[in-house]
Amino acid sequence: MERDLRLDDVGRRYGLRGPWVLRNVSAALAPGSLTRVEGPNGSGKSTLLRLLAGIDAPTEGRVTGRPRTAYVPERFPAALPFTALGYLTHLATVHGLPRASAERAADEWLDRFGAAAHARTPMTRLSKGSSQKVAVAQALLGEPGLLILDEAWTGLDTQARAELERAVAERTAAGGAVVFVDHDPRRLADAADAVYTVRDGGLQRRAVDEPTVAPDGPYMIVEVHGVAAPLPAEALRLAVRTEETARRTHRLTVPASHSDVLLRALLTAHPPWHVASVRPDESRR
């Protein structure tokens, strides 16, 4: 995603004389940003996400700068003539991977979300949870510049939910933009760069430093030591708390789901930071 995706005075209604679901909506999504969309049921959140994804066209206004996009709906259409592995392999070949590489990538994503046992199960026979794992995997498989998640955590088990949070952090660290809706106000609560509320057909931006519900953990404490360079921006974005405990030595508190991405940001910085210790934050249990 090389430039901002922009919505300029966008409106959407269904039918020539239907009521406006959204109107006069303007927003910008920067590369590498994480955006949360909130609002009561029926307010138009899903309509907004479908406009961002290009599934629906605006009735008025325009959407520009949309990169390669992947979309995960709350309910994934499982009635497809594929096995889970076959479906993901097919999509990976569409993205340009050779057949052998495509199947390997599909296997890796299924394993990552705990669905490897269902690799050769027909899609029509998958449970809601397993089907949702395939839905998430298919979106991440192509490393999209814009990832849109509409209640994508619904139906996932605890391990898969944490894995999706890690994947979101990886996508933004790689420069992709992520937009999500989730019923749990604690979901990625400290990680969002922007929060938008859909209300009365409009869109309002809430400052990310306004009070919100903090995640209930678990958290990790990472002790690092480095040279004169400042901490990487990605590390500062992921950490919910940063303390300088000594000269060039810092203590960072991070949600456990983001700890791997934080460590990668520290170790791949130029110059890299030395990680002295990683331990659970017992004070937040």
C-alpha atoms as a PDB file:
ATOM      1  CA  MET A   1       0.000   0.000   0.000  1.00  0.00           C
ATOM      2  CA  GLU A   2       1.970   2.975  -1.293  1.00  0.00           C
ATOM      3  CA  ARG A   3      -0.523   5.795  -0.649  1.00  0.00           C
ATOM      4  CA  ASP A   4      -3.503   6.519   1.538  1.00  0.00           C
ATOM      5  CA  LEU A   5      -6.818   4.912   0.725  1.00  0.00           C
ATOM      6  CA  ARG A   6      -9.331   7.763   0.736  1.00  0.00           C
ATOM      7  CA  LEU A   7     -13.093   8.064   0.999  1.00  0.00           C
ATOM      8  CA  ASP A   8     -14.301  11.455  -0.200  1.00  0.00           C
ATOM      9  CA  ASP A   9     -17.918  12.419   0.574  1.00  0.00           C
ATOM     10  CA  VAL A  10     -19.014   8.815   0.118  1.00  0.00           C
ATOM     11  CA  GLY A  11     -22.655   7.853   0.388  1.00  0.00           C
ATOM     12  CA  ARG A  12     -24.379   4.506  -0.013  1.00  0.00           C
ATOM     13  CA  ARG A  13     -28.017   3.519  -0.272  1.00  0.00           C
ATOM     14  CA  TYR A  14     -29.721   0.445  -1.686  1.00  0.00           C
ATOM     15  CA  GLY A  15     -32.235   1.136  -4.419  1.00  0.00           C
ATOM     16  CA  LEU A  16     -33.021   4.386  -6.201  1.00  0.00           C
ATOM     17  CA  ARG A  17     -35.272   5.620  -3.410  1.00  0.00           C
ATOM     18  CA  GLY A  18     -33.935   3.643  -0.485  1.00  0.00           C
ATOM     19  CA  PRO A  19     -32.814   5.373   2.711  1.00  0.00           C
ATOM     20  CA  TRP A  20     -29.190   6.436   2.973  1.00  0.00           C
ATOM     21  CA  VAL A  21     -27.161   3.967   5.005  1.00  0.00           C
ATOM     22  CA  LEU A  22     -24.093   6.224   4.878  1.00  0.00           C
ATOM     23  CA  ARG A  23     -23.678   9.760   3.606  1.00  0.00           C
ATOM     24  CA  ASN A  24     -20.964  12.449   3.477  1.00  0.00           C
ATOM     25  CA  VAL A  25     -18.383   9.976   4.747  1.00  0.00           C
ATOM     26  CA  SER A  26     -14.730  10.981   4.423  1.00  0.00           C
ATOM     27  CA  ALA A  27     -11.690   9.189   5.846  1.00  0.00           C
ATOM     28  CA  ALA A  28      -8.098   8.245   5.026  1.00  0.00           C
ATOM     29  CA  LEU A  29      -6.241   5.022   5.804  1.00  0.00           C
ATOM     30  CA  ALA A  30      -2.459   5.230   5.822  1.00  0.00           C
ATOM     31  CA  PRO A  31      -0.083   2.364   4.979  1.00  0.00           C
ATOM     32  CA  GLY A  32       0.811   0.374   8.091  1.00  0.00           C
ATOM     33  CA  SER A  33      -2.195   1.648  10.069  1.00  0.00           C
ATOM     34  CA  LEU A  34      -4.670  -0.270  12.194  1.00  0.00           C
ATOM     35  CA  THR A  35      -8.200   1.143  12.228  1.00  0.00           C
ATOM     36  CA  ARG A  36     -11.108   0.051  14.379  1.00  0.00           C
ATOM     37  CA  VAL A  37     -14.701   0.739  13.317  1.00  0.00           C
ATOM     38  CA  GLU A  38     -17.368   0.920  16.016  1.00  0.00           C
ATOM     39  CA  GLY A  39     -21.095   1.565  16.136  1.00  0.00           C
ATOM     40  CA  PRO A  40     -24.400   0.029  17.184  1.00  0.00           C
ATOM     41  CA  ASN A  41     -25.922  -2.893  15.296  1.00  0.00           C
ATOM     42  CA  GLY A  42     -27.447  -1.800  12.016  1.00  0.00           C
ATOM     43  CA  SER A  43     -25.552   1.492  11.942  1.00  0.00           C
ATOM     44  CA  GLY A  44     -23.769   0.713   8.669  1.00  0.00           C
ATOM     45  CA  LYS A  45     -20.429  -0.709   9.815  1.00  0.00           C
ATOM     46  CA  SER A  46     -20.542  -3.653   7.407  1.00  0.00           C
ATOM     47  CA  THR A  47     -21.643  -1.364   4.578  1.00  0.00           C
ATOM     48  CA  LEU A  48     -18.591   0.810   5.250  1.00  0.00           C
ATOM     49  CA  LEU A  49     -16.285  -2.213   5.181  1.00  0.00           C
ATOM     50  CA  ARG A  50     -17.819  -3.444   1.928  1.00  0.00           C
ATOM     51  CA  LEU A  51     -17.204  -0.027   0.381  1.00  0.00           C
ATOM     52  CA  LEU A  52     -13.583  -0.119   1.524  1.00  0.00           C
ATOM     53  CA  ALA A  53     -13.179  -3.616   0.112  1.00  0.00           C
ATOM     54  CA  GLY A  54     -14.701  -2.686  -3.235  1.00  0.00           C
ATOM     55  CA  ILE A  55     -17.525  -5.222  -2.861  1.00  0.00           C
ATOM     56  CA  ASP A  56     -20.086  -2.392  -2.953  1.00  0.00           C
ATOM     57  CA  ALA A  57     -19.719   0.751  -5.038  1.00  0.00           C
ATOM     58  CA  PRO A  58     -20.570   4.129  -3.516  1.00  0.00           C
ATOM     59  CA  THR A  59     -23.848   5.683  -4.612  1.00  0.00           C
ATOM     60  CA  GLU A  60     -22.113   9.052  -4.427  1.00  0.00           C
ATOM     61  CA  GLY A  61     -18.586  10.225  -3.736  1.00  0.00           C
ATOM     62  CA  ARG A  62     -15.515   8.165  -4.496  1.00  0.00           C
ATOM     63  CA  VAL A  63     -13.003   5.739  -3.029  1.00  0.00           C
ATOM     64  CA  THR A  64      -9.411   6.097  -4.273  1.00  0.00           C
ATOM     65  CA  GLY A  65      -6.025   4.525  -3.563  1.00  0.00           C
ATOM     66  CA  ARG A  66      -7.355   1.033  -2.844  1.00  0.00           C
ATOM     67  CA  PRO A  67      -4.491  -1.540  -2.917  1.00  0.00           C
ATOM     68  CA  ARG A  68      -4.831  -5.305  -3.291  1.00  0.00           C
ATOM     69  CA  THR A  69      -7.498  -6.084  -0.742  1.00  0.00           C
ATOM     70  CA  ALA A  70      -8.613  -9.122   1.268  1.00  0.00           C
ATOM     71  CA  TYR A  71     -11.926  -9.280   3.102  1.00  0.00           C
ATOM     72  CA  VAL A  72     -13.123 -11.619   5.856  1.00  0.00           C
ATOM     73  CA  PRO A  73     -16.888 -11.512   6.491  1.00  0.00           C
ATOM     74  CA  GLU A  74     -18.529 -12.646   9.704  1.00  0.00           C
ATOM     75  CA  ARG A  75     -20.127 -15.558   7.846  1.00  0.00           C
ATOM     76  CA  PHE A  76     -17.915 -17.222   5.274  1.00  0.00           C
ATOM     77  CA  PRO A  77     -19.672 -19.041   2.373  1.00  0.00           C
ATOM     78  CA  ALA A  78     -18.639 -22.626   3.069  1.00  0.00           C
ATOM     79  CA  ALA A  79     -20.619 -24.254   0.232  1.00  0.00           C
ATOM     80  CA  LEU A  80     -17.606 -24.404  -2.075  1.00  0.00           C
ATOM     81  CA  PRO A  81     -16.532 -27.456  -4.149  1.00  0.00           C
ATOM     82  CA  PHE A  82     -13.107 -27.722  -2.502  1.00  0.00           C
ATOM     83  CA  THR A  83     -11.391 -29.218   0.470  1.00  0.00           C
ATOM     84  CA  ALA A  84      -9.885 -26.652   2.847  1.00  0.00           C
ATOM     85  CA  LEU A  85      -6.398 -27.315   1.476  1.00  0.00           C
ATOM     86  CA  GLY A  86      -7.609 -27.359  -2.125  1.00  0.00           C
ATOM     87  CA  TYR A  87      -9.361 -24.019  -1.739  1.00  0.00           C
ATOM     88  CA  LEU A  88      -6.357 -22.280  -0.196  1.00  0.00           C
ATOM     89  CA  THR A  89      -3.976 -23.855  -2.730  1.00  0.00           C
ATOM     90  CA  HIS A  90      -6.176 -22.639  -5.566  1.00  0.00           C
ATOM     91  CA  LEU A  91      -6.187 -19.096  -4.192  1.00  0.00           C
ATOM     92  CA  ALA A  92      -2.414 -19.145  -3.708  1.00  0.00           C
ATOM     93  CA  THR A  93      -1.946 -20.079  -7.375  1.00  0.00           C
ATOM     94  CA  VAL A  94      -4.255 -17.191  -8.308  1.00  0.00           C
ATOM     95  CA  HIS A  95      -1.856 -14.952  -6.367  1.00  0.00           C
ATOM     96  CA  GLY A  96       0.956 -16.238  -8.602  1.00  0.00           C
ATOM     97  CA  LEU A  97       2.608 -18.979  -6.553  1.00  0.00           C
ATOM     98  CA  PRO A  98       3.723 -22.179  -8.314  1.00  0.00           C
ATOM     99  CA  ARG A  99       1.579 -25.191  -7.409  1.00  0.00           C
ATOM    100  CA  ALA A 100       4.077 -26.752  -4.984  1.00  0.00           C
ATOM    101  CA  SER A 101       4.707 -23.432  -3.216  1.00  0.00           C
ATOM    102  CA  ALA A 102       0.964 -22.711  -3.127  1.00  0.00           C
ATOM    103  CA  GLU A 103       0.192 -26.005  -1.399  1.00  0.00           C
ATOM    104  CA  ARG A 104       3.019 -25.482   1.072  1.00  0.00           C
ATOM    105  CA  ALA A 105       1.761 -21.984   1.931  1.00  0.00           C
ATOM    106  CA  ALA A 106      -1.787 -23.305   2.342  1.00  0.00           C
ATOM    107  CA  ASP A 107      -0.536 -26.034   4.679  1.00  0.00           C
ATOM    108  CA  GLU A 108       1.382 -23.501   6.752  1.00  0.00           C
ATOM    109  CA  TRP A 109      -1.622 -21.214   7.246  1.00  0.00           C
ATOM    110  CA  LEU A 110      -3.915 -24.089   8.165  1.00  0.00           C
ATOM    111  CA  ASP A 111      -1.368 -25.319  10.687  1.00  0.00           C
ATOM    112  CA  ARG A 112      -0.878 -21.830  12.089  1.00  0.00           C
ATOM    113  CA  PHE A 113      -4.595 -21.515  12.851  1.00  0.00           C
ATOM    114  CA  GLY A 114      -4.899 -25.035  14.226  1.00  0.00           C
ATOM    115  CA  ALA A 115      -6.840 -26.419  11.264  1.00  0.00           C
ATOM    116  CA  ALA A 116      -4.262 -28.778   9.764  1.00  0.00           C
ATOM    117  CA  ALA A 117      -6.370 -31.799  10.760  1.00  0.00           C
ATOM    118  CA  HIS A 118      -9.133 -30.528   8.457  1.00  0.00           C
ATOM    119  CA  ALA A 119      -6.909 -29.883   5.440  1.00  0.00           C
ATOM    120  CA  ARG A 120      -8.596 -32.564   3.323  1.00  0.00           C
ATOM    121  CA  THR A 121     -12.107 -32.071   4.687  1.00  0.00           C
ATOM    122  CA  PRO A 122     -14.639 -30.760   2.138  1.00  0.00           C
ATOM    123  CA  MET A 123     -15.580 -27.162   2.853  1.00  0.00           C
ATOM    124  CA  THR A 124     -19.258 -28.131   3.119  1.00  0.00           C
ATOM    125  CA  ARG A 125     -18.461 -30.386   6.092  1.00  0.00           C
ATOM    126  CA  LEU A 126     -16.424 -27.913   8.127  1.00  0.00           C
ATOM    127  CA  SER A 127     -17.754 -26.562  11.419  1.00  0.00           C
ATOM    128  CA  LYS A 128     -18.373 -22.824  11.809  1.00  0.00           C
ATOM    129  CA  GLY A 129     -15.068 -22.420  13.639  1.00  0.00           C
ATOM    130  CA  SER A 130     -13.014 -24.399  11.122  1.00  0.00           C
ATOM    131  CA  SER A 131     -14.684 -22.618   8.222  1.00  0.00           C
ATOM    132  CA  GLN A 132     -13.781 -19.281   9.805  1.00  0.00           C
ATOM    133  CA  LYS A 133     -10.160 -20.370  10.120  1.00  0.00           C
ATOM    134  CA  VAL A 134     -10.111 -21.052   6.383  1.00  0.00           C
ATOM    135  CA  ALA A 135     -11.708 -17.639   5.773  1.00  0.00           C
ATOM    136  CA  VAL A 136      -8.970 -15.904   7.758  1.00  0.00           C
ATOM    137  CA  ALA A 137      -6.226 -17.974   6.095  1.00  0.00           C
ATOM    138  CA  GLN A 138      -7.456 -17.148   2.601  1.00  0.00           C
ATOM    139  CA  ALA A 139      -7.320 -13.437   3.377  1.00  0.00           C
ATOM    140  CA  LEU A 140      -3.786 -13.541   4.776  1.00  0.00           C
ATOM    141  CA  LEU A 141      -2.421 -15.890   2.147  1.00  0.00           C
ATOM    142  CA  GLY A 142      -1.903 -13.181  -0.458  1.00  0.00           C
ATOM    143  CA  GLU A 143      -0.236 -10.652   1.907  1.00  0.00           C
ATOM    144  CA  PRO A 144      -2.801  -7.939   1.077  1.00  0.00           C
ATOM    145  CA  GLY A 145      -2.082  -4.239   1.181  1.00  0.00           C
ATOM    146  CA  LEU A 146      -5.480  -3.773   2.812  1.00  0.00           C
ATOM    147  CA  LEU A 147      -6.962  -6.382   5.161  1.00  0.00           C
ATOM    148  CA  ILE A 148     -10.605  -5.931   6.189  1.00  0.00           C
ATOM    149  CA  LEU A 149     -12.001  -7.990   9.065  1.00  0.00           C
ATOM    150  CA  ASP A 150     -15.747  -7.900   9.740  1.00  0.00           C
ATOM    151  CA  GLU A 151     -16.248  -9.736  13.056  1.00  0.00           C
ATOM    152  CA  ALA A 152     -13.544 -12.139  11.857  1.00  0.00           C
ATOM    153  CA  TRP A 153     -12.808 -13.382  15.397  1.00  0.00           C
ATOM    154  CA  THR A 154     -16.345 -14.755  15.751  1.00  0.00           C
ATOM    155  CA  GLY A 155     -16.302 -18.553  15.988  1.00  0.00           C
ATOM    156  CA  LEU A 156     -12.535 -18.857  16.478  1.00  0.00           C
ATOM    157  CA  ASP A 157     -11.113 -20.643  19.507  1.00  0.00           C
ATOM    158  CA  THR A 158      -8.793 -18.872  21.942  1.00  0.00           C
ATOM    159  CA  GLN A 159      -5.589 -19.956  20.200  1.00  0.00           C
ATOM    160  CA  ALA A 160      -6.844 -18.949  16.751  1.00  0.00           C
ATOM    161  CA  ARG A 161      -8.044 -15.561  18.052  1.00  0.00           C
ATOM    162  CA  ALA A 162      -4.592 -14.832  19.450  1.00  0.00           C
ATOM    163  CA  GLU A 163      -3.009 -16.007  16.192  1.00  0.00           C
ATOM    164  CA  LEU A 164      -5.190 -13.629  14.201  1.00  0.00           C
ATOM    165  CA  GLU A 165      -4.095 -10.752  16.433  1.00  0.00           C
ATOM    166  CA  ARG A 166      -0.474 -11.708  15.742  1.00  0.00           C
ATOM    167  CA  ALA A 167      -1.171 -11.827  12.006  1.00  0.00           C
ATOM    168  CA  VAL A 168      -2.751  -8.366  12.152  1.00  0.00           C
ATOM    169  CA  ALA A 169       0.359  -6.992  13.865  1.00  0.00           C
ATOM    170  CA  GLU A 170       2.555  -8.632  11.224  1.00  0.00           C
ATOM    171  CA  ARG A 171       0.492  -7.163   8.398  1.00  0.00           C
ATOM    172  CA  THR A 172       0.746  -3.600   9.720  1.00  0.00           C
ATOM    173  CA  ALA A 173       4.463  -4.083  10.445  1.00  0.00           C
ATOM    174  CA  ALA A 174       4.893  -5.040   6.790  1.00  0.00           C
ATOM    175  CA  GLY A 175       3.209  -1.803   5.683  1.00  0.00           C
ATOM    176  CA  GLY A 176      -0.310  -3.077   5.097  1.00  0.00           C
ATOM    177  CA  ALA A 177      -3.408  -1.331   6.421  1.00  0.00           C
ATOM    178  CA  VAL A 178      -5.918  -3.264   8.525  1.00  0.00           C
ATOM    179  CA  VAL A 179      -9.503  -2.244   9.248  1.00  0.00           C
ATOM    180  CA  PHE A 180     -11.621  -4.272  11.637  1.00  0.00           C
ATOM    181  CA  VAL A 181     -14.972  -4.480  13.401  1.00  0.00           C
ATOM    182  CA  ASP A 182     -15.332  -6.630  16.504  1.00  0.00           C
ATOM    183  CA  HIS A 183     -17.990  -6.847  19.207  1.00  0.00           C
ATOM    184  CA  ASP A 184     -15.350  -7.112  21.963  1.00  0.00           C
ATOM    185  CA  PRO A 185     -14.193  -3.585  22.926  1.00  0.00           C
ATOM    186  CA  ARG A 186     -10.962  -5.090  24.276  1.00  0.00           C
ATOM    187  CA  ARG A 187      -9.938  -6.454  20.873  1.00  0.00           C
ATOM    188  CA  LEU A 188      -6.618  -4.764  19.951  1.00  0.00           C
ATOM    189  CA  ALA A 189      -7.709  -1.911  22.192  1.00  0.00           C
ATOM    190  CA  ASP A 190      -4.230  -0.488  22.721  1.00  0.00           C
ATOM    191  CA  ALA A 191      -2.976  -1.112  19.190  1.00  0.00           C
ATOM    192  CA  ALA A 192      -5.359   0.883  16.984  1.00  0.00           C
ATOM    193  CA  ASP A 193      -4.019   4.006  15.275  1.00  0.00           C
ATOM    194  CA  ALA A 194      -7.528   5.311  14.611  1.00  0.00           C
ATOM    195  CA  VAL A 195     -11.045   4.547  15.821  1.00  0.00           C
ATOM    196  CA  TYR A 196     -14.092   5.530  13.767  1.00  0.00           C
ATOM    197  CA  THR A 197     -17.692   5.418  14.985  1.00  0.00           C
ATOM    198  CA  VAL A 198     -20.546   4.935  12.527  1.00  0.00           C
ATOM    199  CA  ARG A 199     -23.646   6.726  13.784  1.00  0.00           C
ATOM    200  CA  ASP A 200     -26.733   8.235  12.108  1.00  0.00           C
ATOM    201  CA  GLY A 201     -25.288   7.570   8.667  1.00  0.00           C
ATOM    202  CA  GLY A 202     -22.083   9.492   9.370  1.00  0.00           C
ATOM    203  CA  LEU A 203     -18.548   8.694  10.442  1.00  0.00           C
ATOM    204  CA  GLN A 204     -16.810  10.255  13.443  1.00  0.00           C
ATOM    205  CA  ARG A 205     -13.175   9.773  14.370  1.00  0.00           C
ATOM    206  CA  ARG A 206     -12.337   9.247  18.031  1.00  0.00           C
ATOM    207  CA  ALA A 207      -8.872  10.112  19.325  1.00  0.00           C
ATOM    208  CA  VAL A 208      -7.026   6.918  20.212  1.00  0.00           C
ATOM    209  CA  ASP A 209      -5.923   8.364  23.552  1.00  0.00           C
ATOM    210  CA  GLU A 210      -9.508   8.715  24.769  1.00  0.00           C
ATOM    211  CA  PRO A 211     -10.429   6.245  27.512  1.00  0.00           C
ATOM    212  CA  THR A 212     -11.198   2.762  26.320  1.00  0.00           C
ATOM    213  CA  VAL A 213     -11.344  -0.720  27.804  1.00  0.00           C
ATOM    214  CA  ALA A 214      -7.841  -2.174  28.108  1.00  0.00           C
ATOM    215  CA  PRO A 215      -7.223  -5.792  27.169  1.00  0.00           C
ATOM    216  CA  ASP A 216      -7.137  -8.175  30.099  1.00  0.00           C
ATOM    217  CA  GLY A 217      -3.901  -9.845  29.051  1.00  0.00           C
ATOM    218  CA  PRO A 218      -1.836 -11.842  29.214  1.00  0.00           C
ATOM    219  CA  TYR A 219       1.080  -9.416  28.871  1.00  0.00           C
ATOM    220  CA  MET A 220       4.822  -9.851  28.476  1.00  0.00           C
ATOM    221  CA  ILE A 221       7.671  -7.675  29.761  1.00  0.00           C
ATOM    222  CA  VAL A 222      10.615  -7.300  27.390  1.00  0.00           C
ATOM    223  CA  GLU A 223      13.905  -5.855  28.674  1.00  0.00           C
ATOM    224  CA  VAL A 224      16.144  -4.451  25.912  1.00  0.00           C
ATOM    225  CA  HIS A 225      19.474  -2.654  25.636  1.00  0.00           C
ATOM    226  CA  GLY A 226      20.669  -0.751  22.599  1.00  0.00           C
ATOM    227  CA  VAL A 227      22.980   1.856  21.163  1.00  0.00           C
ATOM    228  CA  ALA A 228      22.157   5.536  20.885  1.00  0.00           C
ATOM    229  CA  ALA A 229      19.409   4.997  18.275  1.00  0.00           C
ATOM    230  CA  PRO A 230      15.825   5.449  19.551  1.00  0.00           C
ATOM    231  CA  LEU A 231      13.515   2.489  19.922  1.00  0.00           C
ATOM    232  CA  PRO A 232      11.936   1.429  16.609  1.00  0.00           C
ATOM    233  CA  ALA A 233       8.626   3.155  15.893  1.00  0.00           C
ATOM    234  CA  GLU A 234       6.908  -0.210  15.464  1.00  0.00           C
ATOM    235  CA  ALA A 235       8.071  -1.318  18.926  1.00  0.00           C
ATOM    236  CA  LEU A 236       6.720   1.888  20.462  1.00  0.00           C
ATOM    237  CA  ARG A 237       3.390   1.396  18.708  1.00  0.00           C
ATOM    238  CA  LEU A 238       2.984  -2.177  19.930  1.00  0.00           C
ATOM    239  CA  ALA A 239       4.038  -1.574  23.541  1.00  0.00           C
ATOM    240  CA  VAL A 240       1.342  -0.483  25.982  1.00  0.00           C
ATOM    241  CA  ARG A 241       3.989   0.822  28.383  1.00  0.00           C
ATOM    242  CA  THR A 242       7.638   1.856  27.924  1.00  0.00           C
ATOM    243  CA  GLU A 243      10.105   2.704  30.694  1.00  0.00           C
ATOM    244  CA  GLU A 244      13.757   3.737  30.440  1.00  0.00           C
ATOM    245  CA  THR A 245      15.272   1.857  33.380  1.00  0.00           C
ATOM    246  CA  ALA A 246      18.894   2.877  32.706  1.00  0.00           C
ATOM    247  CA  ARG A 247      20.914   4.567  29.990  1.00  0.00           C
ATOM    248  CA  ARG A 248      19.937   2.931  26.669  1.00  0.00           C
ATOM    249  CA  THR A 249      18.012   0.262  28.578  1.00  0.00           C
ATOM    250  CA  HIS A 250      14.235  -0.030  28.320  1.00  0.00           C
ATOM    251  CA  ARG A 251      11.420  -2.137  29.727  1.00  0.00           C
ATOM    252  CA  LEU A 252       8.491  -2.632  27.349  1.00  0.00           C
ATOM    253  CA  THR A 253       5.118  -4.124  28.278  1.00  0.00           C
ATOM    254  CA  VAL A 254       3.277  -5.683  25.360  1.00  0.00           C
ATOM    255  CA  PRO A 255       0.204  -7.913  24.914  1.00  0.00           C
ATOM    256  CA  ALA A 256       1.444 -11.488  24.611  1.00  0.00           C
ATOM    257  CA  SER A 257      -0.263 -11.771  21.220  1.00  0.00           C
ATOM    258  CA  HIS A 258       2.050  -9.039  19.894  1.00  0.00           C
ATOM    259  CA  SER A 259       5.290 -10.106  21.593  1.00  0.00           C
ATOM    260  CA  ASP A 260       6.682 -11.985  18.570  1.00  0.00           C
ATOM    261  CA  VAL A 261       6.174  -8.976  16.311  1.00  0.00           C
ATOM    262  CA  LEU A 262       7.727  -6.659  18.905  1.00  0.00           C
ATOM    263  CA  LEU A 263      10.811  -8.873  19.162  1.00  0.00           C
ATOM    264  CA  ARG A 264      11.124  -8.973  15.379  1.00  0.00           C
ATOM    265  CA  ALA A 265      10.964  -5.164  15.223  1.00  0.00           C
ATOM    266  CA  LEU A 266      13.733  -4.895  17.824  1.00  0.00           C
ATOM    267  CA  LEU A 267      15.996  -7.561  16.344  1.00  0.00           C
ATOM    268  CA  THR A 268      15.686  -6.344  12.752  1.00  0.00           C
ATOM    269  CA  ALA A 269      16.260  -2.664  13.585  1.00  0.00           C
ATOM    270  CA  HIS A 270      19.420  -0.962  12.283  1.00  0.00           C
ATOM    271  CA  PRO A 271      21.365  -1.357  14.482  1.00  0.00           C
ATOM    272  CA  PRO A 272      19.517  -4.195  16.265  1.00  0.00           C
ATOM    273  CA  TRP A 273      18.584  -4.052  19.923  1.00  0.00           C
ATOM    274  CA  HIS A 274      19.822  -6.650  22.400  1.00  0.00           C
ATOM    275  CA  VAL A 275      16.943  -8.475  24.111  1.00  0.00           C
ATOM    276  CA  ALA A 276      18.025  -9.137  27.698  1.00  0.00           C
ATOM    277  CA  SER A 277      14.900 -10.941  28.923  1.00  0.00           C
ATOM    278  CA  VAL A 278      11.304 -11.792  28.124  1.00  0.00           C
ATOM    279  CA  ARG A 279       8.937 -12.738  30.946  1.00  0.00           C
ATOM    280  CA  PRO A 280       5.215 -12.726  31.789  1.00  0.00           C
ATOM    281  CA  ASP A 281       3.882  -9.593  33.478  1.00  0.00           C
ATOM    282  CA  GLU A 282       2.586 -11.100  36.704  1.00  0.00           C
ATOM    283  CA  SER A 283       1.186  -7.756  37.885  1.00  0.00           C
ATOM    284  CA  ARG A 284      -1.508  -7.845  35.193  1.00  0.00           C
ATOM    285  CA  ARG A 285      -2.783 -11.352  35.839  1.00  0.00           C
END
